[in-house]
Protein backbone atom coordinates (compact mmCIF):
# COMPACT_ATOMS: atom_id res chain seq x y z
CA MET A 1 -2.86 -7.08 -11.15
CA GLU A 2 -4.37 -10.19 -8.79
CA PRO A 3 -7.98 -10.32 -9.74
CA ALA A 4 -10.35 -9.46 -7.14
CA ALA A 5 -12.08 -12.03 -5.79
CA LEU A 6 -15.86 -12.65 -5.27
CA SER A 7 -17.85 -11.75 -1.76
CA ARG A 8 -18.91 -15.29 -0.34
CA ARG A 9 -21.70 -13.35 1.50
CA SER A 10 -22.61 -11.60 -2.05
CA PHE A 11 -22.68 -14.72 -3.96
CA LEU A 12 -24.91 -16.59 -1.79
CA ARG A 13 -27.18 -13.50 -1.74
CA GLY A 14 -27.27 -13.80 -5.45
CA ARG A 15 -25.17 -10.26 -5.62
CA ILE A 16 -22.35 -10.33 -7.82
CA ARG A 17 -19.77 -8.11 -6.66
CA THR A 18 -15.77 -8.49 -6.31
CA VAL A 19 -13.50 -7.80 -3.42
CA ASN A 20 -10.30 -6.50 -3.68
CA PRO A 21 -8.06 -8.62 -1.42
CA ALA A 22 -6.24 -6.77 1.20
CA GLN A 23 -2.50 -5.33 1.22
CA ARG A 24 -1.05 -7.55 3.42
CA PRO A 25 1.90 -6.63 5.95
CA PRO A 26 5.30 -6.04 4.10
CA TRP A 27 7.45 -8.98 3.70
CA ALA A 28 4.29 -11.38 3.35
CA LEU A 29 4.43 -14.26 1.00
CA ASP A 30 2.27 -14.51 -1.49
CA GLU A 31 -1.80 -14.75 -0.46
CA ALA A 32 -2.09 -18.43 -0.48
CA ALA A 33 0.79 -19.57 1.50
CA PHE A 34 0.38 -15.85 3.78
CA ILE A 35 -3.20 -17.22 4.38
CA GLU A 36 -2.12 -20.93 5.11
CA ARG A 37 0.51 -19.52 7.38
CA CYS A 38 -0.99 -16.77 9.32
CA THR A 39 -2.77 -17.77 12.45
CA ARG A 40 -4.16 -14.33 13.08
CA CYS A 41 -2.38 -14.43 16.59
CA ASP A 42 -2.11 -10.21 16.32
CA ALA A 43 1.94 -9.92 17.01
CA CYS A 44 2.82 -8.62 13.98
CA ILE A 45 -0.59 -5.62 15.08
CA LYS A 46 1.01 -5.53 18.11
CA ALA A 47 4.46 -5.15 17.24
CA CYS A 48 3.68 -2.42 14.54
CA PRO A 49 5.29 1.02 16.03
CA THR A 50 2.92 3.57 13.63
CA GLY A 51 0.01 1.53 13.58
CA ILE A 52 -0.85 1.19 10.03
CA LEU A 53 -1.61 -2.87 10.61
CA ILE A 54 -5.52 -4.03 11.20
CA HIS A 55 -7.49 -6.41 11.09
CA ALA A 56 -8.77 -7.49 7.55
CA ASP A 57 -11.45 -9.66 6.38
CA GLY A 58 -11.28 -13.01 8.46
CA ALA A 59 -9.07 -11.14 10.88
CA TYR A 60 -6.15 -11.01 9.04
CA PRO A 61 -3.97 -8.36 9.59
CA ALA A 62 -3.22 -5.74 6.50
CA VAL A 63 -2.22 -2.23 5.75
CA ASP A 64 -4.06 0.64 6.67
CA PHE A 65 -2.28 3.98 5.12
CA SER A 66 -4.88 5.96 6.82
CA HIS A 67 -3.17 5.29 10.08
CA GLY A 68 0.33 6.31 9.09
CA GLU A 69 3.07 5.00 7.10
CA CYS A 70 5.11 1.97 7.26
CA THR A 71 8.80 2.51 8.47
CA PHE A 72 9.99 -0.72 7.31
CA CYS A 73 11.63 -1.20 10.74
CA GLY A 74 11.03 -5.17 10.30
CA GLU A 75 9.06 -5.65 13.62
CA CYS A 76 6.36 -7.33 12.14
CA VAL A 77 8.27 -9.71 10.57
CA SER A 78 10.89 -10.73 14.14
CA ARG A 79 7.67 -11.23 15.74
CA CYS A 80 5.59 -13.68 13.00
CA GLU A 81 6.29 -17.26 14.34
CA PRO A 82 4.38 -19.08 11.75
CA ALA A 83 6.50 -17.22 9.35
CA ALA A 84 3.25 -15.53 7.34
CA LEU A 85 5.80 -12.85 7.16
CA GLN A 86 9.68 -13.40 6.28
CA ARG A 87 12.67 -11.34 5.12
CA ALA A 88 14.44 -13.15 2.47
CA ALA A 89 17.65 -10.85 2.78
CA GLU A 90 18.37 -7.28 4.47
CA ASP A 91 18.10 -5.95 1.31
CA ALA A 92 15.20 -7.36 -0.09
CA PRO A 93 12.30 -4.71 -0.75
CA ALA A 94 9.23 -5.47 1.93
CA TRP A 95 6.69 -5.47 -1.21
CA ARG A 96 5.97 -4.10 -4.75
CA LEU A 97 3.79 -0.83 -3.64
CA GLN A 98 4.22 2.66 -5.21
CA ALA A 99 2.27 5.46 -5.20
CA HIS A 100 -0.33 6.53 -7.69
CA ILE A 101 -0.93 10.22 -7.81
CA GLY A 102 -4.99 10.74 -9.52
CA ASP A 103 -6.80 12.77 -11.33
CA ALA A 104 -8.83 14.32 -8.24
CA CYS A 105 -5.03 16.06 -7.08
CA LEU A 106 -5.60 19.49 -6.40
CA ALA A 107 -2.52 20.69 -8.22
CA MET A 108 -3.74 19.40 -11.28
CA SER A 109 -7.44 21.65 -10.44
CA GLY A 110 -5.13 24.48 -10.12
CA VAL A 111 -4.88 24.82 -6.75
CA GLU A 112 -1.32 25.15 -5.00
CA CYS A 113 -0.67 21.79 -2.36
CA ARG A 114 2.47 20.20 -1.93
CA VAL A 115 1.68 17.97 1.05
CA CYS A 116 2.24 14.65 -0.66
CA GLY A 117 5.71 15.63 -1.48
CA GLU A 118 6.60 17.28 1.95
CA ALA A 119 5.38 14.07 3.26
CA CYS A 120 7.55 11.96 1.25
CA PRO A 121 10.54 10.49 2.95
CA ALA A 122 11.95 9.23 -0.35
CA GLY A 123 11.73 12.47 -1.98
CA ALA A 124 9.78 10.97 -4.81
CA ILE A 125 7.37 13.34 -5.18
CA ARG A 126 8.81 16.80 -6.30
CA PHE A 127 6.62 19.46 -8.12
CA ARG A 128 7.32 20.80 -11.79
CA PRO A 129 6.56 24.44 -11.95
CA ARG A 130 4.62 25.21 -14.80
CA LEU A 131 3.64 28.84 -16.64
CA GLY A 132 0.69 30.12 -16.09
CA GLY A 133 -0.55 27.72 -13.38
CA VAL A 134 0.20 26.04 -10.35
CA ALA A 135 3.32 23.24 -9.88
CA LEU A 136 2.08 20.03 -10.59
CA PRO A 137 3.45 16.72 -8.67
CA ALA A 138 5.54 14.74 -10.66
CA LEU A 139 5.78 10.63 -9.00
CA THR A 140 9.47 8.97 -9.70
CA LEU A 141 8.31 5.18 -10.02
CA GLU A 142 12.38 4.26 -9.07
CA SER A 143 12.32 6.14 -5.82
CA CYS A 144 8.61 5.10 -4.67
CA ASN A 145 9.34 2.77 -1.81
CA GLY A 146 5.64 2.45 -1.19
CA CYS A 147 5.80 3.48 2.58
CA GLY A 148 2.33 4.95 2.31
CA ALA A 149 3.32 8.39 4.01
CA CYS A 150 1.55 10.80 1.24
CA PHE A 151 -1.68 8.86 1.97
CA ALA A 152 -3.17 10.34 4.91
CA PRO A 153 -1.82 13.92 4.21
CA CYS A 154 -3.81 14.07 1.13
CA PRO A 155 -6.62 16.31 1.58
CA VAL A 156 -8.67 15.11 -1.32
CA ARG A 157 -7.76 11.17 -1.36
CA ALA A 158 -6.14 11.60 -4.86
CA ILE A 159 -3.00 9.21 -3.68
CA THR A 160 -3.65 5.56 -4.06
CA VAL A 161 -0.61 2.91 -3.04
CA LYS A 162 -1.01 -0.20 -4.81
CA ALA A 163 1.31 -2.50 -6.70
CA GLY A 164 3.72 -0.72 -9.04
CA GLU A 165 2.98 -0.68 -13.09
CA MET A 166 6.31 -3.13 -13.73
CA ASP A 167 4.63 -5.64 -10.95
CA MET A 168 1.39 -5.02 -12.76
CA ALA A 169 2.32 -5.62 -16.20
CA ASN A 170 4.58 -9.25 -14.78
CA LYS A 171 1.64 -10.40 -13.36
CA GLU A 172 -0.67 -9.78 -16.66
CA SER A 173 1.50 -11.88 -18.93
CA THR A 174 1.69 -14.83 -16.85
């Protein structure tokens, strides 16, 4: 996982606090190249049919799954003139994001809730029956494309969408 950047404002005020980098739009170049190329023209934000692209720190575009899900339509890429978003191949994955279900999940507390599984278009979240209790969510990481459809419907925000475990392991070993 990428190390969190130190907030400039916090540094100048003497408060050492880290800020996690924003999740960039699908098919974004690596962070340094993205920042170098992105002109903050808002073309990708305006083109996004689901409205998940927003202005983040420095007015650069970022993804906010509380607004919806990514359908991987590619409109953001087609409108990006400075080529900060590039689709290498038609079947190239948009990013290495995957959903992760946390301990705050209602089902893990014995409350029946299957909203994330119903919202998942890839069918990556299924519920396994359990003797004497409610069915528990089971996430198939190989099926999860990181679209974020499960994030907004979760009533307790138990789901996070972040870099996949394999991707984080690869970054830590380099």
